[in-house]
């Protein structure tokens, strides 16, 4: 009992992480990092209050198929209901593997990639549901969940929350981006290990199916699948016919056996 209590206490204490404070040129920021993850879920307790003019959620997650993972962020404060948003939906990322320094930011210019070719998924992406939909102060129990639907549990290697305040507290988040642009300031969300961006996928409308690369992969795979299906159908049909012939022969042999028994009885 004492050992279990000590383990629980140690686990909860590990979730109360220390923060690093710095300035990004637009205001003060506090970053809370958690590397003591519990496989597909991990919690960061933020005890001290801090401004949430800007917020970033970054992570390193190991999973061989990103499309089978849905990312969810929860916030819970004493006496209040749990608030939850979806950072990434199932399907996006396809068969691409791993999230490396992946950051979700309301002001990012790109959504999470659909194509597996951009794996491992690095850079800044807009969440499916905006981070500012979670209301209230920074002080809360924050939990990241990496849910999966392919039977292979995702592993959260590390993740971190970054809260930033604007220099002028009268500036709300809706006008902050415009003010930063006017001042010639580039907003760069913090990353634990900075990594280069992958080139974005270029969507060319419904005609993309006739792109050279798509023809070489998609159409070839489709034709091969059709050929295999046809071959399997022909093989199955052949064996069905063979079984029918055998059944007919067995029936005929049975009738002859009955006839022979009757003849034997009459001439016996």
C-alpha atoms as a PDB file:
ATOM      1  CA  UNK A   1       0.000   0.000   0.000  1.00  0.00           C
ATOM      2  CA  UNK A   2       2.830   2.375   0.859  1.00  0.00           C
ATOM      3  CA  UNK A   3       4.614   1.529  -2.386  1.00  0.00           C
ATOM      4  CA  UNK A   4       1.455   2.226  -4.418  1.00  0.00           C
ATOM      5  CA  UNK A   5       0.904   5.507  -2.604  1.00  0.00           C
ATOM      6  CA  UNK A   6       4.477   6.529  -3.269  1.00  0.00           C
ATOM      7  CA  UNK A   7       4.098   5.670  -6.944  1.00  0.00           C
ATOM      8  CA  UNK A   8       0.906   7.707  -7.281  1.00  0.00           C
ATOM      9  CA  UNK A   9       2.463  10.633  -5.463  1.00  0.00           C
ATOM     10  CA  UNK A  10       5.555  10.480  -7.660  1.00  0.00           C
ATOM     11  CA  UNK A  11       3.424  10.373 -10.820  1.00  0.00           C
ATOM     12  CA  UNK A  12       1.328  13.365  -9.786  1.00  0.00           C
ATOM     13  CA  UNK A  13       4.403  15.292  -8.691  1.00  0.00           C
ATOM     14  CA  UNK A  14       6.047  14.629 -12.075  1.00  0.00           C
ATOM     15  CA  UNK A  15       3.076  16.273 -13.795  1.00  0.00           C
ATOM     16  CA  UNK A  16       3.721  19.531 -11.926  1.00  0.00           C
ATOM     17  CA  UNK A  17       6.436  20.729 -14.289  1.00  0.00           C
ATOM     18  CA  UNK A  18       8.572  23.838 -13.956  1.00  0.00           C
ATOM     19  CA  UNK A  19       8.346  26.593 -16.512  1.00  0.00           C
ATOM     20  CA  UNK A  20      10.871  28.554 -18.543  1.00  0.00           C
ATOM     21  CA  UNK A  21      10.220  32.245 -19.047  1.00  0.00           C
ATOM     22  CA  UNK A  22      11.539  34.335 -21.922  1.00  0.00           C
ATOM     23  CA  UNK A  23      10.593  37.157 -24.288  1.00  0.00           C
ATOM     24  CA  UNK A  24       9.849  36.620 -27.980  1.00  0.00           C
ATOM     25  CA  UNK A  25       9.996  40.301 -28.925  1.00  0.00           C
ATOM     26  CA  UNK A  26       6.245  40.747 -28.572  1.00  0.00           C
ATOM     27  CA  UNK A  27       5.916  40.036 -24.888  1.00  0.00           C
ATOM     28  CA  UNK A  28       6.729  37.599 -22.126  1.00  0.00           C
ATOM     29  CA  UNK A  29       6.199  33.873 -22.639  1.00  0.00           C
ATOM     30  CA  UNK A  30       6.119  30.913 -20.282  1.00  0.00           C
ATOM     31  CA  UNK A  31       6.770  27.391 -21.531  1.00  0.00           C
ATOM     32  CA  UNK A  32       5.831  24.243 -19.611  1.00  0.00           C
ATOM     33  CA  UNK A  33       7.311  20.980 -20.882  1.00  0.00           C
ATOM     34  CA  UNK A  34       6.332  17.407 -20.002  1.00  0.00           C
ATOM     35  CA  UNK A  35       8.525  14.443 -20.897  1.00  0.00           C
ATOM     36  CA  UNK A  36       7.002  12.055 -18.339  1.00  0.00           C
ATOM     37  CA  UNK A  37       4.218  10.945 -20.674  1.00  0.00           C
ATOM     38  CA  UNK A  38       1.884   8.002 -20.038  1.00  0.00           C
ATOM     39  CA  UNK A  39       1.878   6.592 -23.573  1.00  0.00           C
ATOM     40  CA  UNK A  40      -1.173   8.038 -25.314  1.00  0.00           C
ATOM     41  CA  UNK A  41      -2.041  10.663 -22.682  1.00  0.00           C
ATOM     42  CA  UNK A  42      -0.048  13.146 -20.662  1.00  0.00           C
ATOM     43  CA  UNK A  43      -0.848  15.929 -18.196  1.00  0.00           C
ATOM     44  CA  UNK A  44       0.727  19.260 -17.355  1.00  0.00           C
ATOM     45  CA  UNK A  45      -0.403  21.063 -14.186  1.00  0.00           C
ATOM     46  CA  UNK A  46      -0.038  24.833 -14.501  1.00  0.00           C
ATOM     47  CA  UNK A  47      -0.325  26.220 -10.976  1.00  0.00           C
ATOM     48  CA  UNK A  48       0.494  29.864 -11.601  1.00  0.00           C
ATOM     49  CA  UNK A  49      -1.717  32.171 -13.613  1.00  0.00           C
ATOM     50  CA  UNK A  50      -0.371  33.858 -16.717  1.00  0.00           C
ATOM     51  CA  UNK A  51      -1.745  35.792 -19.659  1.00  0.00           C
ATOM     52  CA  UNK A  52      -3.113  33.778 -22.612  1.00  0.00           C
ATOM     53  CA  UNK A  53      -2.996  36.406 -25.355  1.00  0.00           C
ATOM     54  CA  UNK A  54      -1.255  33.748 -27.397  1.00  0.00           C
ATOM     55  CA  UNK A  55      -0.977  29.996 -26.865  1.00  0.00           C
ATOM     56  CA  UNK A  56       0.949  27.203 -28.583  1.00  0.00           C
ATOM     57  CA  UNK A  57       0.749  23.420 -28.125  1.00  0.00           C
ATOM     58  CA  UNK A  58       3.791  21.457 -29.316  1.00  0.00           C
ATOM     59  CA  UNK A  59       4.587  17.754 -29.235  1.00  0.00           C
ATOM     60  CA  UNK A  60       6.725  14.779 -30.248  1.00  0.00           C
ATOM     61  CA  UNK A  61       4.628  11.642 -30.771  1.00  0.00           C
ATOM     62  CA  UNK A  62       5.637   8.245 -32.114  1.00  0.00           C
ATOM     63  CA  UNK A  63       3.100   6.362 -34.223  1.00  0.00           C
ATOM     64  CA  UNK A  64       3.580   4.575 -37.525  1.00  0.00           C
ATOM     65  CA  UNK A  65       0.317   5.876 -39.014  1.00  0.00           C
ATOM     66  CA  UNK A  66      -0.630   9.489 -38.255  1.00  0.00           C
ATOM     67  CA  UNK A  67      -3.972   9.135 -39.987  1.00  0.00           C
ATOM     68  CA  UNK A  68      -5.093   6.687 -37.291  1.00  0.00           C
ATOM     69  CA  UNK A  69      -4.440   9.251 -34.537  1.00  0.00           C
ATOM     70  CA  UNK A  70      -6.770  11.970 -33.270  1.00  0.00           C
ATOM     71  CA  UNK A  71      -5.234  14.645 -31.038  1.00  0.00           C
ATOM     72  CA  UNK A  72      -7.335  16.185 -28.271  1.00  0.00           C
ATOM     73  CA  UNK A  73      -6.481  18.879 -25.709  1.00  0.00           C
ATOM     74  CA  UNK A  74      -8.386  19.162 -22.427  1.00  0.00           C
ATOM     75  CA  UNK A  75      -8.366  21.760 -19.664  1.00  0.00           C
ATOM     76  CA  UNK A  76      -9.842  21.242 -16.183  1.00  0.00           C
ATOM     77  CA  UNK A  77     -10.084  23.691 -13.310  1.00  0.00           C
ATOM     78  CA  UNK A  78     -11.475  23.070  -9.847  1.00  0.00           C
ATOM     79  CA  UNK A  79     -15.228  23.484  -9.726  1.00  0.00           C
ATOM     80  CA  UNK A  80     -15.556  23.818 -13.512  1.00  0.00           C
ATOM     81  CA  UNK A  81     -16.493  21.473 -16.332  1.00  0.00           C
ATOM     82  CA  UNK A  82     -13.817  19.977 -18.562  1.00  0.00           C
ATOM     83  CA  UNK A  83     -13.162  22.010 -21.711  1.00  0.00           C
ATOM     84  CA  UNK A  84     -12.003  20.071 -24.750  1.00  0.00           C
ATOM     85  CA  UNK A  85     -10.943  20.844 -28.304  1.00  0.00           C
ATOM     86  CA  UNK A  86      -9.760  18.714 -31.232  1.00  0.00           C
ATOM     87  CA  UNK A  87      -6.298  19.570 -32.520  1.00  0.00           C
ATOM     88  CA  UNK A  88      -6.260  17.015 -35.347  1.00  0.00           C
ATOM     89  CA  UNK A  89      -8.837  14.644 -36.825  1.00  0.00           C
ATOM     90  CA  UNK A  90      -8.522  11.046 -37.914  1.00  0.00           C
ATOM     91  CA  UNK A  91      -7.414  10.633 -41.519  1.00  0.00           C
ATOM     92  CA  UNK A  92      -5.069  13.587 -41.798  1.00  0.00           C
ATOM     93  CA  UNK A  93      -1.503  12.402 -42.271  1.00  0.00           C
ATOM     94  CA  UNK A  94      -2.534   9.109 -43.862  1.00  0.00           C
ATOM     95  CA  UNK A  95       0.123   6.415 -43.527  1.00  0.00           C
ATOM     96  CA  UNK A  96       2.833   8.936 -42.642  1.00  0.00           C
ATOM     97  CA  UNK A  97       4.759   8.248 -39.430  1.00  0.00           C
ATOM     98  CA  UNK A  98       5.479  10.372 -36.355  1.00  0.00           C
ATOM     99  CA  UNK A  99       4.973  13.939 -35.152  1.00  0.00           C
ATOM    100  CA  UNK A 100       8.254  15.820 -34.722  1.00  0.00           C
ATOM    101  CA  UNK A 101       8.197  19.269 -33.079  1.00  0.00           C
ATOM    102  CA  UNK A 102       4.612  19.598 -34.277  1.00  0.00           C
ATOM    103  CA  UNK A 103       3.056  22.866 -33.099  1.00  0.00           C
ATOM    104  CA  UNK A 104      -0.598  23.890 -33.161  1.00  0.00           C
ATOM    105  CA  UNK A 105      -1.143  27.626 -33.355  1.00  0.00           C
ATOM    106  CA  UNK A 106      -4.341  29.575 -34.055  1.00  0.00           C
ATOM    107  CA  UNK A 107      -2.435  31.974 -36.325  1.00  0.00           C
ATOM    108  CA  UNK A 108      -0.605  29.324 -38.371  1.00  0.00           C
ATOM    109  CA  UNK A 109      -1.059  29.594 -42.136  1.00  0.00           C
ATOM    110  CA  UNK A 110      -1.504  25.871 -42.857  1.00  0.00           C
ATOM    111  CA  UNK A 111      -3.800  23.066 -41.776  1.00  0.00           C
ATOM    112  CA  UNK A 112      -2.428  19.660 -40.837  1.00  0.00           C
ATOM    113  CA  UNK A 113      -1.354  17.821 -44.032  1.00  0.00           C
ATOM    114  CA  UNK A 114      -3.553  15.197 -45.621  1.00  0.00           C
ATOM    115  CA  UNK A 115      -0.730  13.510 -47.526  1.00  0.00           C
ATOM    116  CA  UNK A 116       1.619  10.948 -45.976  1.00  0.00           C
ATOM    117  CA  UNK A 117       4.453  12.263 -48.161  1.00  0.00           C
ATOM    118  CA  UNK A 118       4.987  15.155 -45.722  1.00  0.00           C
ATOM    119  CA  UNK A 119       5.890  12.852 -42.816  1.00  0.00           C
ATOM    120  CA  UNK A 120       7.393  13.164 -40.306  1.00  0.00           C
ATOM    121  CA  UNK A 121       5.039  16.054 -39.592  1.00  0.00           C
ATOM    122  CA  UNK A 122       7.050  19.082 -38.520  1.00  0.00           C
ATOM    123  CA  UNK A 123       6.103  22.743 -38.323  1.00  0.00           C
ATOM    124  CA  UNK A 124       3.165  24.903 -37.302  1.00  0.00           C
ATOM    125  CA  UNK A 125      -0.455  24.038 -38.099  1.00  0.00           C
ATOM    126  CA  UNK A 126      -3.897  25.390 -37.340  1.00  0.00           C
ATOM    127  CA  UNK A 127      -5.866  23.180 -34.930  1.00  0.00           C
ATOM    128  CA  UNK A 128      -9.215  21.802 -36.069  1.00  0.00           C
ATOM    129  CA  UNK A 129     -10.820  23.793 -33.248  1.00  0.00           C
ATOM    130  CA  UNK A 130      -9.154  27.057 -32.215  1.00  0.00           C
ATOM    131  CA  UNK A 131      -7.141  27.016 -29.004  1.00  0.00           C
ATOM    132  CA  UNK A 132      -8.861  30.169 -27.772  1.00  0.00           C
ATOM    133  CA  UNK A 133     -12.121  28.202 -27.616  1.00  0.00           C
ATOM    134  CA  UNK A 134     -10.780  26.970 -24.271  1.00  0.00           C
ATOM    135  CA  UNK A 135     -11.556  29.948 -22.088  1.00  0.00           C
ATOM    136  CA  UNK A 136     -10.144  30.989 -18.747  1.00  0.00           C
ATOM    137  CA  UNK A 137      -6.658  31.509 -17.301  1.00  0.00           C
ATOM    138  CA  UNK A 138      -3.549  29.467 -17.955  1.00  0.00           C
ATOM    139  CA  UNK A 139      -3.739  27.866 -14.510  1.00  0.00           C
ATOM    140  CA  UNK A 140      -5.385  24.493 -15.083  1.00  0.00           C
ATOM    141  CA  UNK A 141      -4.842  20.778 -15.487  1.00  0.00           C
ATOM    142  CA  UNK A 142      -3.957  20.420 -19.182  1.00  0.00           C
ATOM    143  CA  UNK A 143      -4.107  16.967 -20.772  1.00  0.00           C
ATOM    144  CA  UNK A 144      -3.017  15.893 -24.246  1.00  0.00           C
ATOM    145  CA  UNK A 145      -4.602  12.728 -25.648  1.00  0.00           C
ATOM    146  CA  UNK A 146      -3.410  10.834 -28.718  1.00  0.00           C
ATOM    147  CA  UNK A 147      -6.389   8.590 -29.471  1.00  0.00           C
ATOM    148  CA  UNK A 148      -6.031   5.831 -32.055  1.00  0.00           C
ATOM    149  CA  UNK A 149      -8.335   3.565 -34.026  1.00  0.00           C
ATOM    150  CA  UNK A 150      -5.956   1.023 -35.551  1.00  0.00           C
ATOM    151  CA  UNK A 151      -5.101  -0.960 -32.417  1.00  0.00           C
ATOM    152  CA  UNK A 152      -1.581   0.494 -32.110  1.00  0.00           C
ATOM    153  CA  UNK A 153      -1.199   2.831 -29.141  1.00  0.00           C
ATOM    154  CA  UNK A 154       0.474   6.153 -29.881  1.00  0.00           C
ATOM    155  CA  UNK A 155       3.344   7.205 -27.590  1.00  0.00           C
ATOM    156  CA  UNK A 156       3.677  10.818 -26.488  1.00  0.00           C
ATOM    157  CA  UNK A 157       7.441  11.231 -26.117  1.00  0.00           C
ATOM    158  CA  UNK A 158       7.199  14.846 -24.960  1.00  0.00           C
ATOM    159  CA  UNK A 159       4.970  17.891 -25.292  1.00  0.00           C
ATOM    160  CA  UNK A 160       4.925  21.470 -24.122  1.00  0.00           C
ATOM    161  CA  UNK A 161       2.536  24.366 -23.594  1.00  0.00           C
ATOM    162  CA  UNK A 162       3.569  27.940 -24.277  1.00  0.00           C
ATOM    163  CA  UNK A 163       1.567  30.925 -23.059  1.00  0.00           C
ATOM    164  CA  UNK A 164       2.496  34.436 -24.205  1.00  0.00           C
ATOM    165  CA  UNK A 165       1.270  37.898 -23.324  1.00  0.00           C
ATOM    166  CA  UNK A 166       1.227  40.967 -25.547  1.00  0.00           C
ATOM    167  CA  UNK A 167       3.197  44.017 -24.560  1.00  0.00           C
ATOM    168  CA  UNK A 168       0.078  46.156 -24.477  1.00  0.00           C
ATOM    169  CA  UNK A 169      -2.610  44.379 -22.396  1.00  0.00           C
ATOM    170  CA  UNK A 170      -5.298  46.397 -24.218  1.00  0.00           C
ATOM    171  CA  UNK A 171      -4.543  44.518 -27.461  1.00  0.00           C
ATOM    172  CA  UNK A 172      -6.854  41.542 -27.798  1.00  0.00           C
ATOM    173  CA  UNK A 173      -5.908  38.462 -29.824  1.00  0.00           C
ATOM    174  CA  UNK A 174      -8.141  39.378 -32.771  1.00  0.00           C
ATOM    175  CA  UNK A 175      -6.051  42.443 -33.651  1.00  0.00           C
ATOM    176  CA  UNK A 176      -2.686  41.157 -32.488  1.00  0.00           C
ATOM    177  CA  UNK A 177      -1.633  39.625 -35.815  1.00  0.00           C
ATOM    178  CA  UNK A 178      -2.368  42.866 -37.682  1.00  0.00           C
ATOM    179  CA  UNK A 179      -0.395  44.889 -35.157  1.00  0.00           C
ATOM    180  CA  UNK A 180       2.566  42.524 -35.447  1.00  0.00           C
ATOM    181  CA  UNK A 181       2.485  42.794 -39.255  1.00  0.00           C
ATOM    182  CA  UNK A 182       2.369  46.583 -39.081  1.00  0.00           C
ATOM    183  CA  UNK A 183       5.441  46.597 -36.830  1.00  0.00           C
ATOM    184  CA  UNK A 184       7.287  44.243 -39.166  1.00  0.00           C
ATOM    185  CA  UNK A 185       7.538  41.525 -36.528  1.00  0.00           C
ATOM    186  CA  UNK A 186       7.439  37.870 -37.528  1.00  0.00           C
ATOM    187  CA  UNK A 187       5.743  35.555 -35.057  1.00  0.00           C
ATOM    188  CA  UNK A 188       7.644  32.291 -34.661  1.00  0.00           C
ATOM    189  CA  UNK A 189       6.058  29.820 -32.223  1.00  0.00           C
ATOM    190  CA  UNK A 190       8.660  28.240 -29.947  1.00  0.00           C
ATOM    191  CA  UNK A 191       9.910  24.734 -30.629  1.00  0.00           C
ATOM    192  CA  UNK A 192      11.844  22.455 -28.320  1.00  0.00           C
ATOM    193  CA  UNK A 193      14.109  21.329 -31.155  1.00  0.00           C
ATOM    194  CA  UNK A 194      13.689  23.670 -34.147  1.00  0.00           C
ATOM    195  CA  UNK A 195      13.200  21.800 -37.401  1.00  0.00           C
ATOM    196  CA  UNK A 196      12.753  22.966 -41.011  1.00  0.00           C
ATOM    197  CA  UNK A 197       9.303  23.117 -42.538  1.00  0.00           C
ATOM    198  CA  UNK A 198       8.284  20.519 -45.059  1.00  0.00           C
ATOM    199  CA  UNK A 199       7.030  21.905 -48.396  1.00  0.00           C
ATOM    200  CA  UNK A 200       3.219  22.110 -48.424  1.00  0.00           C
ATOM    201  CA  UNK A 201       1.169  19.922 -50.732  1.00  0.00           C
ATOM    202  CA  UNK A 202      -0.172  21.697 -53.810  1.00  0.00           C
ATOM    203  CA  UNK A 203      -3.823  20.988 -54.501  1.00  0.00           C
ATOM    204  CA  UNK A 204      -4.821  21.403 -58.154  1.00  0.00           C
ATOM    205  CA  UNK A 205      -8.511  20.567 -57.986  1.00  0.00           C
ATOM    206  CA  UNK A 206     -10.217  17.377 -59.171  1.00  0.00           C
ATOM    207  CA  UNK A 207      -7.750  17.044 -62.064  1.00  0.00           C
ATOM    208  CA  UNK A 208      -5.067  15.970 -59.614  1.00  0.00           C
ATOM    209  CA  UNK A 209      -6.036  12.342 -60.303  1.00  0.00           C
ATOM    210  CA  UNK A 210      -4.436  12.698 -63.735  1.00  0.00           C
ATOM    211  CA  UNK A 211      -1.184  14.106 -62.411  1.00  0.00           C
ATOM    212  CA  UNK A 212       1.859  12.134 -63.570  1.00  0.00           C
ATOM    213  CA  UNK A 213       2.834  11.031 -60.070  1.00  0.00           C
ATOM    214  CA  UNK A 214      -0.719  10.030 -59.261  1.00  0.00           C
ATOM    215  CA  UNK A 215      -0.997   8.062 -62.507  1.00  0.00           C
ATOM    216  CA  UNK A 216       2.197   6.220 -61.667  1.00  0.00           C
ATOM    217  CA  UNK A 217       0.959   5.226 -58.225  1.00  0.00           C
ATOM    218  CA  UNK A 218      -2.802   5.425 -57.808  1.00  0.00           C
ATOM    219  CA  UNK A 219      -3.878   4.152 -61.217  1.00  0.00           C
ATOM    220  CA  UNK A 220      -1.255   1.415 -61.293  1.00  0.00           C
ATOM    221  CA  UNK A 221      -2.333   0.238 -57.858  1.00  0.00           C
ATOM    222  CA  UNK A 222      -5.999   0.380 -58.885  1.00  0.00           C
ATOM    223  CA  UNK A 223      -5.372  -1.722 -62.020  1.00  0.00           C
ATOM    224  CA  UNK A 224      -3.306  -4.248 -60.089  1.00  0.00           C
ATOM    225  CA  UNK A 225      -6.043  -4.517 -57.443  1.00  0.00           C
ATOM    226  CA  UNK A 226      -8.682  -5.033 -60.141  1.00  0.00           C
ATOM    227  CA  UNK A 227      -6.550  -7.719 -61.821  1.00  0.00           C
ATOM    228  CA  UNK A 228      -6.054  -9.537 -58.515  1.00  0.00           C
ATOM    229  CA  UNK A 229      -9.779  -9.342 -57.753  1.00  0.00           C
ATOM    230  CA  UNK A 230     -10.659 -10.730 -61.192  1.00  0.00           C
ATOM    231  CA  UNK A 231      -8.119 -13.533 -60.838  1.00  0.00           C
ATOM    232  CA  UNK A 232      -9.430 -14.417 -57.387  1.00  0.00           C
ATOM    233  CA  UNK A 233     -13.009 -14.433 -58.695  1.00  0.00           C
ATOM    234  CA  UNK A 234     -12.083 -16.715 -61.600  1.00  0.00           C
ATOM    235  CA  UNK A 235     -10.246 -19.085 -59.290  1.00  0.00           C
ATOM    236  CA  UNK A 236     -13.150 -19.173 -56.852  1.00  0.00           C
ATOM    237  CA  UNK A 237     -15.618 -19.767 -59.683  1.00  0.00           C
ATOM    238  CA  UNK A 238     -13.488 -22.650 -61.003  1.00  0.00           C
ATOM    239  CA  UNK A 239     -13.415 -24.372 -57.593  1.00  0.00           C
ATOM    240  CA  UNK A 240     -17.169 -23.889 -57.178  1.00  0.00           C
ATOM    241  CA  UNK A 241     -17.753 -25.622 -60.525  1.00  0.00           C
ATOM    242  CA  UNK A 242     -15.420 -28.434 -59.539  1.00  0.00           C
ATOM    243  CA  UNK A 243     -17.350 -28.972 -56.311  1.00  0.00           C
ATOM    244  CA  UNK A 244     -20.616 -29.089 -58.269  1.00  0.00           C
ATOM    245  CA  UNK A 245     -19.179 -31.756 -60.623  1.00  0.00           C
ATOM    246  CA  UNK A 246     -18.011 -33.826 -57.655  1.00  0.00           C
ATOM    247  CA  UNK A 247     -21.395 -33.516 -55.984  1.00  0.00           C
ATOM    248  CA  UNK A 248     -23.149 -34.676 -59.182  1.00  0.00           C
ATOM    249  CA  UNK A 249     -20.779 -37.641 -59.542  1.00  0.00           C
ATOM    250  CA  UNK A 250     -21.315 -38.595 -55.894  1.00  0.00           C
ATOM    251  CA  UNK A 251     -25.086 -38.427 -56.331  1.00  0.00           C
ATOM    252  CA  UNK A 252     -24.922 -40.643 -59.454  1.00  0.00           C
ATOM    253  CA  UNK A 253     -22.702 -43.165 -57.688  1.00  0.00           C
ATOM    254  CA  UNK A 254     -25.131 -43.299 -54.784  1.00  0.00           C
ATOM    255  CA  UNK A 255     -28.063 -43.981 -57.104  1.00  0.00           C
ATOM    256  CA  UNK A 256     -26.150 -46.825 -58.793  1.00  0.00           C
ATOM    257  CA  UNK A 257     -25.303 -48.316 -55.421  1.00  0.00           C
ATOM    258  CA  UNK A 258     -28.971 -48.326 -54.399  1.00  0.00           C
ATOM    259  CA  UNK A 259     -29.929 -49.928 -57.724  1.00  0.00           C
ATOM    260  CA  UNK A 260     -27.283 -52.635 -57.293  1.00  0.00           C
ATOM    261  CA  UNK A 261     -28.563 -53.462 -53.809  1.00  0.00           C
ATOM    262  CA  UNK A 262     -32.130 -53.789 -55.133  1.00  0.00           C
ATOM    263  CA  UNK A 263     -31.000 -56.138 -57.916  1.00  0.00           C
ATOM    264  CA  UNK A 264     -29.045 -58.235 -55.473  1.00  0.00           C
ATOM    265  CA  UNK A 265     -32.078 -58.528 -53.206  1.00  0.00           C
ATOM    266  CA  UNK A 266     -34.366 -59.754 -56.025  1.00  0.00           C
ATOM    267  CA  UNK A 267     -31.875 -62.241 -57.547  1.00  0.00           C
ATOM    268  CA  UNK A 268     -30.258 -63.234 -54.343  1.00  0.00           C
END
